[in-house]
Amino acid sequence: MTTKTDDKDVSLFQELFEKSPEIEYPKMNEVITGEIIKIEKKNILVNVNNQFTGLVVNKEIGNTIDLATLEWGQKIDVMVLGDSVEKWFLILSLKRANQIKNLSNLWAQFDSGEVITVKPTEANKWGLLVDLDGLKWFIPVSQLTPVHYPRVEGAEPAKILEHLEGLVGKPFQVKVINVDDNGKKIIFSEKAGIQEQRDASLEKLKEGDIVEGMISGILTYGLFVTFDGLEGLVHVSEIDWGHVNDPSKFAKVGQKVKVKVIGLEKDKISLSIKRLKENPWDILSRKYKLNDTIDAPISRISRFGAFIELDGGIQGLIHLSEISHGVVKDIRDHLKVGEQVQAKIINFDPKVKRIGLSLKALQPVPEGMEVATEEWSEEKAETAKKAPAKKEEASVDEA
């Protein structure tokens, strides 16, 4: 026998049931919006439509979300991966929902040409990888700007990889230059990211300009300098007025430097450091004249003579025949590197960068010795003009 109270309860229950919203079961791979109800042990519990509880396990959170920024009641988009019947909750993924968002954003950025900021998460020999919530995006080496491009002697793979690994975690301004629907081939270009700046800089740049830049690479043939989105080369012959054997002795990567633009051919920019300094031959011509005596150290010894170090890195030659009045079989029997000597200028032509010196001209002729009347010859002049070959330098005892 039912009572009035029982009938009232049944009626109320029926009314609530009829007014309650229809239960909507989320579909597999569907992206839904939920509300955070708890964060525990790097897992997230989510309320879905006040009808289901969902779980986002740690591996499905992704690498673009910081748990510390999430809070109770916050709404998040998640993808349905399945359900756990025995535990009565949905299996959800924040990472995979973000992948869909990221792909959608990439298409919009590709269409608009927007410049975005990314941080590489790893490197390989072909370039830099950016992992955002499991999607691997790529910046090829060929799409790096000069300041990040690996300037490696001989293109040695191990050194290229070492250089690229040093760029991991740094922010890059890039443009999307390729994207596909499944997110498997997404390519960024840092070069495209600065193309407008580069074009504007190149348009206003002219020969004779003096600019400040940064050393971006050092190779045996010169120094690479970046400035205003551009890169130019200071050839080894334009680093210093003196002879330069090793460019790395004159600069370090990352060092700021002032350079003069001495050549523009399309996007090929030739630069000079030495032309910002006075030509030491001009300084030398004001300081000395023919028949003057110079006091300077021996800088190196070759089979055909000895060189002394003059102002501005100029090397003056004491020809073999000008060392002594006697026969000289081995120059090292008479001179040593570092030894301070006095020598007379017997040939001096700053215009052709030629200076010939003599030790014997300052020495008395030994008694009974016939004095040679040979003048400074063209052959000696050419010898003084040319630097010694590498093989000759390698045989010099500079100890």
Protein backbone atom coordinates (compact mmCIF):
# COMPACT_ATOMS: atom_id res chain seq x y z
CA MET A 1 0.00 0.00 0.00
CA THR A 2 1.41 3.32 -1.06
CA THR A 3 1.16 6.44 0.99
CA LYS A 4 0.57 10.02 -0.10
CA THR A 5 4.20 10.76 0.74
CA ASP A 6 5.38 8.02 -1.63
CA ASP A 7 3.20 9.34 -4.44
CA LYS A 8 4.57 12.82 -3.87
CA ASP A 9 8.19 11.61 -4.08
CA VAL A 10 7.53 9.68 -7.29
CA SER A 11 5.87 12.69 -8.82
CA LEU A 12 8.79 14.94 -7.86
CA PHE A 13 11.30 12.47 -9.23
CA GLN A 14 9.37 12.23 -12.51
CA GLU A 15 9.24 16.01 -12.79
CA LEU A 16 12.99 16.36 -12.18
CA PHE A 17 13.72 13.60 -14.67
CA GLU A 18 11.65 15.27 -17.37
CA LYS A 19 13.29 18.65 -16.75
CA SER A 20 16.84 17.30 -16.58
CA PRO A 21 18.99 17.77 -19.71
CA GLU A 22 19.43 14.83 -21.99
CA ILE A 23 22.66 12.98 -21.32
CA GLU A 24 25.06 13.51 -24.18
CA TYR A 25 27.75 10.87 -24.51
CA PRO A 26 30.95 12.38 -25.94
CA LYS A 27 32.19 10.75 -29.11
CA MET A 28 35.65 9.29 -29.63
CA ASN A 29 38.19 11.93 -30.87
CA GLU A 30 35.68 14.70 -30.24
CA VAL A 31 37.04 17.96 -28.79
CA ILE A 32 34.91 19.12 -25.89
CA THR A 33 35.11 21.83 -23.22
CA GLY A 34 35.41 20.86 -19.59
CA GLU A 35 35.98 22.52 -16.24
CA ILE A 36 38.92 21.69 -13.99
CA ILE A 37 37.78 20.26 -10.66
CA LYS A 38 41.10 18.93 -9.35
CA ILE A 39 44.82 18.75 -10.15
CA GLU A 40 46.61 15.90 -8.42
CA LYS A 41 49.96 14.17 -9.03
CA LYS A 42 50.28 15.93 -12.40
CA ASN A 43 46.89 14.57 -13.49
CA ILE A 44 43.81 16.73 -14.13
CA LEU A 45 40.21 15.84 -13.26
CA VAL A 46 37.64 17.55 -15.50
CA ASN A 47 33.90 18.07 -15.12
CA VAL A 48 32.13 17.54 -18.47
CA ASN A 49 28.63 19.06 -18.73
CA ASN A 50 27.97 18.19 -15.05
CA GLN A 51 27.34 14.67 -16.33
CA PHE A 52 30.78 13.05 -16.56
CA THR A 53 34.14 13.24 -14.90
CA GLY A 54 37.16 13.07 -17.20
CA LEU A 55 40.82 12.36 -16.51
CA VAL A 56 43.81 13.92 -18.28
CA VAL A 57 46.90 11.90 -17.35
CA ASN A 58 50.32 13.57 -17.26
CA LYS A 59 51.51 12.33 -20.67
CA GLU A 60 48.39 13.81 -22.31
CA ILE A 61 48.90 17.31 -20.91
CA GLY A 62 51.59 18.26 -23.49
CA ASN A 63 54.64 20.49 -23.29
CA THR A 64 53.02 23.89 -23.90
CA ILE A 65 50.91 23.92 -20.73
CA ASP A 66 52.41 24.77 -17.33
CA LEU A 67 50.40 23.03 -14.60
CA ALA A 68 51.19 25.91 -12.26
CA THR A 69 49.08 28.21 -14.47
CA LEU A 70 45.97 25.99 -14.24
CA GLU A 71 43.41 26.42 -11.45
CA TRP A 72 40.13 25.05 -10.16
CA GLY A 73 37.10 26.13 -12.22
CA GLN A 74 39.17 26.98 -15.31
CA LYS A 75 37.69 25.83 -18.62
CA ILE A 76 39.91 23.82 -20.98
CA ASP A 77 39.43 22.11 -24.33
CA VAL A 78 40.18 18.38 -24.35
CA MET A 79 39.89 15.49 -26.79
CA VAL A 80 37.98 12.31 -25.87
CA LEU A 81 40.21 9.25 -26.16
CA GLY A 82 37.81 6.74 -24.58
CA ASP A 83 36.26 5.82 -21.26
CA SER A 84 37.01 3.64 -18.26
CA VAL A 85 33.86 1.65 -17.47
CA GLU A 86 35.17 0.23 -14.21
CA LYS A 87 36.31 3.64 -12.90
CA TRP A 88 33.42 5.62 -14.34
CA PHE A 89 35.38 8.40 -16.02
CA LEU A 90 36.31 9.59 -19.49
CA ILE A 91 39.89 9.37 -20.77
CA LEU A 92 40.80 12.83 -22.10
CA SER A 93 43.79 14.56 -23.80
CA LEU A 94 44.68 18.23 -23.46
CA LYS A 95 47.70 17.75 -25.74
CA ARG A 96 45.74 16.42 -28.72
CA ALA A 97 43.13 19.15 -28.48
CA ASN A 98 45.98 21.67 -28.56
CA GLN A 99 47.46 19.98 -31.63
CA ILE A 100 44.27 20.74 -33.55
CA LYS A 101 44.38 24.35 -32.34
CA ASN A 102 48.04 24.64 -33.27
CA LEU A 103 47.43 23.32 -36.78
CA SER A 104 44.56 25.74 -37.25
CA ASN A 105 46.75 28.61 -36.06
CA LEU A 106 49.57 27.54 -38.36
CA TRP A 107 47.31 27.65 -41.40
CA ALA A 108 46.17 31.15 -40.44
CA GLN A 109 49.80 32.26 -39.90
CA PHE A 110 50.83 30.69 -43.21
CA ASP A 111 48.08 32.59 -45.05
CA SER A 112 48.80 35.91 -43.31
CA GLY A 113 52.62 35.69 -43.37
CA GLU A 114 52.68 36.56 -39.67
CA VAL A 115 56.04 36.46 -37.88
CA ILE A 116 55.85 34.22 -34.80
CA THR A 117 58.25 33.24 -32.01
CA VAL A 118 59.28 29.60 -31.47
CA LYS A 119 61.91 27.87 -29.34
CA PRO A 120 63.73 24.80 -30.74
CA THR A 121 63.60 21.76 -28.47
CA GLU A 122 66.26 19.66 -30.22
CA ALA A 123 68.71 19.67 -33.13
CA ASN A 124 69.98 17.33 -35.81
CA LYS A 125 72.50 17.75 -38.62
CA TRP A 126 69.79 19.13 -40.95
CA GLY A 127 68.42 21.83 -38.67
CA LEU A 128 66.34 22.59 -35.56
CA LEU A 129 63.19 20.84 -34.32
CA VAL A 130 60.35 22.52 -32.46
CA ASP A 131 58.12 20.09 -30.51
CA LEU A 132 54.77 21.60 -29.55
CA ASP A 133 52.42 19.11 -27.93
CA GLY A 134 53.82 16.24 -29.99
CA LEU A 135 53.82 18.03 -33.35
CA LYS A 136 57.37 18.28 -34.76
CA TRP A 137 58.05 21.52 -36.62
CA PHE A 138 61.31 22.09 -38.48
CA ILE A 139 63.72 24.98 -39.19
CA PRO A 140 66.18 23.74 -41.88
CA VAL A 141 69.78 24.96 -41.74
CA SER A 142 69.21 26.67 -45.10
CA GLN A 143 66.44 28.79 -43.53
CA LEU A 144 68.55 30.17 -40.68
CA THR A 145 69.66 33.80 -40.71
CA PRO A 146 73.41 34.55 -40.98
CA VAL A 147 73.68 35.19 -37.25
CA HIS A 148 72.61 31.59 -36.53
CA TYR A 149 73.95 29.84 -39.64
CA PRO A 150 76.73 27.34 -38.78
CA ARG A 151 79.90 28.81 -40.35
CA VAL A 152 82.09 25.71 -40.01
CA GLU A 153 85.44 25.18 -41.72
CA GLY A 154 85.12 22.27 -44.17
CA ALA A 155 81.41 21.83 -43.28
CA GLU A 156 82.36 19.20 -40.67
CA PRO A 157 79.07 17.50 -39.60
CA ALA A 158 80.05 17.09 -35.93
CA LYS A 159 80.87 20.79 -35.58
CA ILE A 160 77.69 21.82 -37.42
CA LEU A 161 75.62 19.71 -35.00
CA GLU A 162 77.50 21.18 -32.02
CA HIS A 163 76.69 24.69 -33.26
CA LEU A 164 73.00 23.85 -33.77
CA GLU A 165 72.69 22.22 -30.35
CA GLY A 166 73.87 25.52 -28.87
CA LEU A 167 70.75 27.18 -30.35
CA VAL A 168 68.24 24.87 -28.62
CA GLY A 169 65.96 26.78 -26.27
CA LYS A 170 66.64 30.19 -27.82
CA PRO A 171 63.74 32.25 -29.26
CA PHE A 172 63.52 32.46 -33.06
CA GLN A 173 61.45 34.91 -35.10
CA VAL A 174 60.10 32.84 -38.01
CA LYS A 175 57.44 32.56 -40.69
CA VAL A 176 55.52 29.41 -41.64
CA ILE A 177 56.56 28.48 -45.20
CA ASN A 178 54.98 25.01 -45.37
CA VAL A 179 52.14 23.29 -43.49
CA ASP A 180 49.98 20.25 -44.27
CA ASP A 181 46.67 18.96 -42.91
CA ASN A 182 48.08 16.18 -40.74
CA GLY A 183 50.88 18.26 -39.28
CA LYS A 184 53.68 16.01 -40.48
CA LYS A 185 55.48 18.56 -42.64
CA ILE A 186 55.59 21.96 -41.00
CA ILE A 187 58.54 24.14 -41.99
CA PHE A 188 59.59 27.48 -40.55
CA SER A 189 61.98 30.03 -42.02
CA GLU A 190 63.98 32.45 -39.90
CA LYS A 191 65.26 34.10 -43.10
CA ALA A 192 61.69 34.83 -44.20
CA GLY A 193 61.03 36.30 -40.76
CA ILE A 194 63.54 39.11 -41.39
CA GLN A 195 63.11 39.42 -45.17
CA GLU A 196 61.33 42.78 -45.02
CA GLN A 197 63.99 44.23 -42.72
CA ARG A 198 66.70 42.77 -44.95
CA ASP A 199 65.21 44.23 -48.14
CA ALA A 200 64.85 47.66 -46.52
CA SER A 201 68.43 47.58 -45.21
CA LEU A 202 69.84 46.47 -48.56
CA GLU A 203 67.94 49.19 -50.40
CA LYS A 204 69.49 52.00 -48.37
CA LEU A 205 72.99 50.50 -48.06
CA LYS A 206 75.66 52.04 -50.29
CA GLU A 207 79.36 51.66 -50.92
CA GLY A 208 81.44 53.69 -48.50
CA ASP A 209 78.98 53.34 -45.59
CA ILE A 210 80.44 52.61 -42.17
CA VAL A 211 78.27 50.27 -40.09
CA GLU A 212 78.50 48.47 -36.78
CA GLY A 213 77.86 44.74 -36.78
CA MET A 214 78.66 41.51 -35.02
CA ILE A 215 81.13 38.77 -35.99
CA SER A 216 78.93 35.82 -37.02
CA GLY A 217 81.59 33.48 -38.39
CA ILE A 218 85.34 33.06 -38.74
CA LEU A 219 86.94 31.01 -41.51
CA THR A 220 90.45 30.89 -42.94
CA TYR A 221 89.49 33.24 -45.77
CA GLY A 222 87.87 35.94 -43.66
CA LEU A 223 85.34 37.20 -41.12
CA PHE A 224 81.55 37.21 -41.56
CA VAL A 225 79.78 40.23 -40.08
CA THR A 226 76.01 40.62 -39.60
CA PHE A 227 74.23 43.98 -39.36
CA ASP A 228 70.64 45.19 -39.91
CA GLY A 229 69.54 41.72 -41.07
CA LEU A 230 72.40 41.56 -43.60
CA GLU A 231 75.70 39.70 -43.67
CA GLY A 232 78.94 40.65 -45.38
CA LEU A 233 82.46 39.27 -45.65
CA VAL A 234 85.67 40.91 -44.51
CA HIS A 235 88.14 39.06 -46.73
CA VAL A 236 91.41 38.08 -45.06
CA SER A 237 93.16 40.77 -47.12
CA GLU A 238 90.83 43.44 -45.67
CA ILE A 239 91.24 42.58 -41.98
CA ASP A 240 94.53 44.38 -41.37
CA TRP A 241 97.17 46.29 -43.33
CA GLY A 242 99.74 43.74 -42.22
CA HIS A 243 99.90 40.10 -43.28
CA VAL A 244 97.05 38.04 -41.73
CA ASN A 245 97.65 34.31 -41.39
CA ASP A 246 94.89 33.52 -38.92
CA PRO A 247 91.68 35.65 -38.88
CA SER A 248 90.69 34.18 -35.50
CA LYS A 249 93.54 36.14 -33.90
CA PHE A 250 91.80 39.39 -34.87
CA ALA A 251 88.21 38.70 -33.74
CA LYS A 252 85.86 36.41 -31.83
CA VAL A 253 82.35 35.24 -32.77
CA GLY A 254 79.81 37.57 -31.14
CA GLN A 255 82.24 40.49 -30.97
CA LYS A 256 80.98 43.91 -32.08
CA VAL A 257 82.97 45.51 -34.87
CA LYS A 258 82.83 48.54 -37.16
CA VAL A 259 83.29 47.88 -40.87
CA LYS A 260 83.32 49.83 -44.12
CA VAL A 261 81.25 48.73 -47.11
CA ILE A 262 83.68 48.43 -50.04
CA GLY A 263 81.59 46.42 -52.50
CA LEU A 264 77.93 45.64 -53.32
CA GLU A 265 76.98 43.05 -55.91
CA LYS A 266 73.31 42.07 -55.60
CA ASP A 267 73.20 40.56 -52.08
CA LYS A 268 76.96 39.98 -51.91
CA ILE A 269 78.46 42.54 -49.53
CA SER A 270 82.21 43.11 -49.25
CA LEU A 271 83.48 44.77 -46.09
CA SER A 272 86.75 46.10 -44.72
CA ILE A 273 88.14 46.66 -41.25
CA LYS A 274 91.58 47.86 -42.24
CA ARG A 275 90.24 50.78 -44.30
CA LEU A 276 88.91 52.38 -41.13
CA LYS A 277 92.52 52.80 -40.06
CA GLU A 278 95.15 54.92 -41.76
CA ASN A 279 97.36 53.08 -44.21
CA PRO A 280 100.54 52.30 -42.24
CA TRP A 281 102.59 52.89 -45.40
CA ASP A 282 101.46 56.52 -45.28
CA ILE A 283 102.48 56.71 -41.62
CA LEU A 284 105.83 55.06 -42.40
CA SER A 285 106.52 57.49 -45.27
CA ARG A 286 106.07 60.42 -42.89
CA LYS A 287 108.36 58.83 -40.33
CA TYR A 288 111.21 57.56 -42.52
CA LYS A 289 113.01 58.27 -45.78
CA LEU A 290 115.67 56.58 -47.88
CA ASN A 291 119.02 56.05 -46.06
CA ASP A 292 117.43 56.42 -42.59
CA THR A 293 118.25 53.85 -39.91
CA ILE A 294 115.49 51.72 -38.39
CA ASP A 295 115.71 49.98 -35.01
CA ALA A 296 113.30 47.01 -34.87
CA PRO A 297 113.06 43.29 -33.96
CA ILE A 298 113.47 40.33 -36.33
CA SER A 299 109.96 38.90 -36.82
CA ARG A 300 110.72 35.84 -38.96
CA ILE A 301 113.47 34.23 -41.03
CA SER A 302 113.21 32.78 -44.52
CA ARG A 303 115.76 31.10 -46.79
CA PHE A 304 116.16 34.33 -48.79
CA GLY A 305 116.33 36.82 -45.94
CA ALA A 306 115.07 38.09 -42.61
CA PHE A 307 111.97 40.19 -41.91
CA ILE A 308 111.73 42.90 -39.29
CA GLU A 309 108.50 44.14 -37.70
CA LEU A 310 107.67 47.77 -38.53
CA ASP A 311 104.77 50.01 -37.48
CA GLY A 312 101.29 48.88 -38.53
CA GLY A 313 102.35 45.29 -39.11
CA ILE A 314 104.53 46.13 -42.13
CA GLN A 315 107.32 43.62 -42.71
CA GLY A 316 110.63 45.01 -43.94
CA LEU A 317 113.01 42.61 -45.72
CA ILE A 318 116.72 42.31 -45.13
CA HIS A 319 117.76 40.33 -48.17
CA LEU A 320 120.26 37.50 -47.74
CA SER A 321 122.85 39.56 -49.61
CA GLU A 322 122.35 42.51 -47.23
CA ILE A 323 123.06 40.70 -43.97
CA SER A 324 126.86 40.64 -44.03
CA HIS A 325 129.81 41.62 -46.20
CA GLY A 326 130.89 38.00 -46.03
CA VAL A 327 129.21 34.90 -47.45
CA VAL A 328 126.02 33.96 -45.57
CA LYS A 329 125.23 30.24 -45.80
CA ASP A 330 122.70 30.06 -42.97
CA ILE A 331 120.89 33.22 -41.87
CA ARG A 332 120.30 31.72 -38.42
CA ASP A 333 124.02 31.83 -37.79
CA HIS A 334 123.74 35.63 -37.93
CA LEU A 335 120.22 36.47 -36.71
CA LYS A 336 117.51 35.11 -34.42
CA VAL A 337 113.78 35.79 -34.24
CA GLY A 338 113.10 38.48 -31.63
CA GLU A 339 116.58 39.97 -31.85
CA GLN A 340 116.61 43.79 -31.99
CA VAL A 341 118.66 45.10 -34.94
CA GLN A 342 119.53 48.36 -36.65
CA ALA A 343 119.10 48.41 -40.42
CA LYS A 344 119.53 51.04 -43.10
CA ILE A 345 116.73 51.78 -45.58
CA ILE A 346 118.21 51.14 -49.04
CA ASN A 347 114.94 50.98 -50.99
CA PHE A 348 111.70 52.72 -50.06
CA ASP A 349 108.59 53.06 -52.24
CA PRO A 350 105.38 53.40 -50.18
CA LYS A 351 103.17 53.56 -53.30
CA VAL A 352 104.04 49.99 -54.27
CA LYS A 353 104.45 48.94 -50.62
CA ARG A 354 108.13 48.14 -50.87
CA ILE A 355 110.90 48.66 -48.34
CA GLY A 356 114.37 47.10 -48.49
CA LEU A 357 116.79 47.12 -45.58
CA SER A 358 120.45 46.38 -45.05
CA LEU A 359 122.56 45.40 -42.05
CA LYS A 360 125.86 45.37 -43.86
CA ALA A 361 125.37 48.99 -45.01
CA LEU A 362 125.89 49.99 -41.37
CA GLN A 363 128.94 47.76 -40.93
CA PRO A 364 132.51 48.62 -41.90
CA VAL A 365 133.92 46.65 -44.81
CA PRO A 366 136.51 44.17 -43.50
CA GLU A 367 140.06 45.11 -44.42
CA GLY A 368 141.15 43.62 -47.71
CA MET A 369 137.62 42.71 -48.80
CA GLU A 370 136.51 43.98 -52.20
CA VAL A 371 133.32 46.02 -51.89
CA ALA A 372 130.55 44.86 -54.20
CA THR A 373 129.02 47.59 -56.32
CA GLU A 374 125.74 45.75 -56.91
CA GLU A 375 122.75 48.04 -56.51
CA TRP A 376 119.31 47.07 -55.27
CA SER A 377 118.05 44.88 -58.12
CA GLU A 378 114.57 44.35 -59.47
CA GLU A 379 114.87 40.72 -58.41
CA LYS A 380 115.49 41.79 -54.80
CA ALA A 381 112.65 44.29 -55.03
CA GLU A 382 110.24 41.58 -56.12
CA THR A 383 111.46 39.35 -53.31
CA ALA A 384 110.83 42.11 -50.80
CA LYS A 385 107.36 42.73 -52.20
CA LYS A 386 106.20 39.14 -51.92
CA ALA A 387 105.52 37.36 -48.63
CA PRO A 388 107.29 34.02 -48.16
CA ALA A 389 105.46 30.90 -49.20
CA LYS A 390 103.89 28.71 -46.53
CA LYS A 391 106.43 25.94 -47.08
CA GLU A 392 109.22 28.43 -46.50
CA GLU A 393 107.54 29.76 -43.37
CA ALA A 394 107.11 26.26 -42.06
CA SER A 395 110.86 25.66 -42.28
CA VAL A 396 111.77 28.81 -40.34
CA ASP A 397 113.20 28.30 -36.88
CA GLU A 398 111.49 30.95 -34.77
CA ALA A 399 112.72 29.64 -31.44
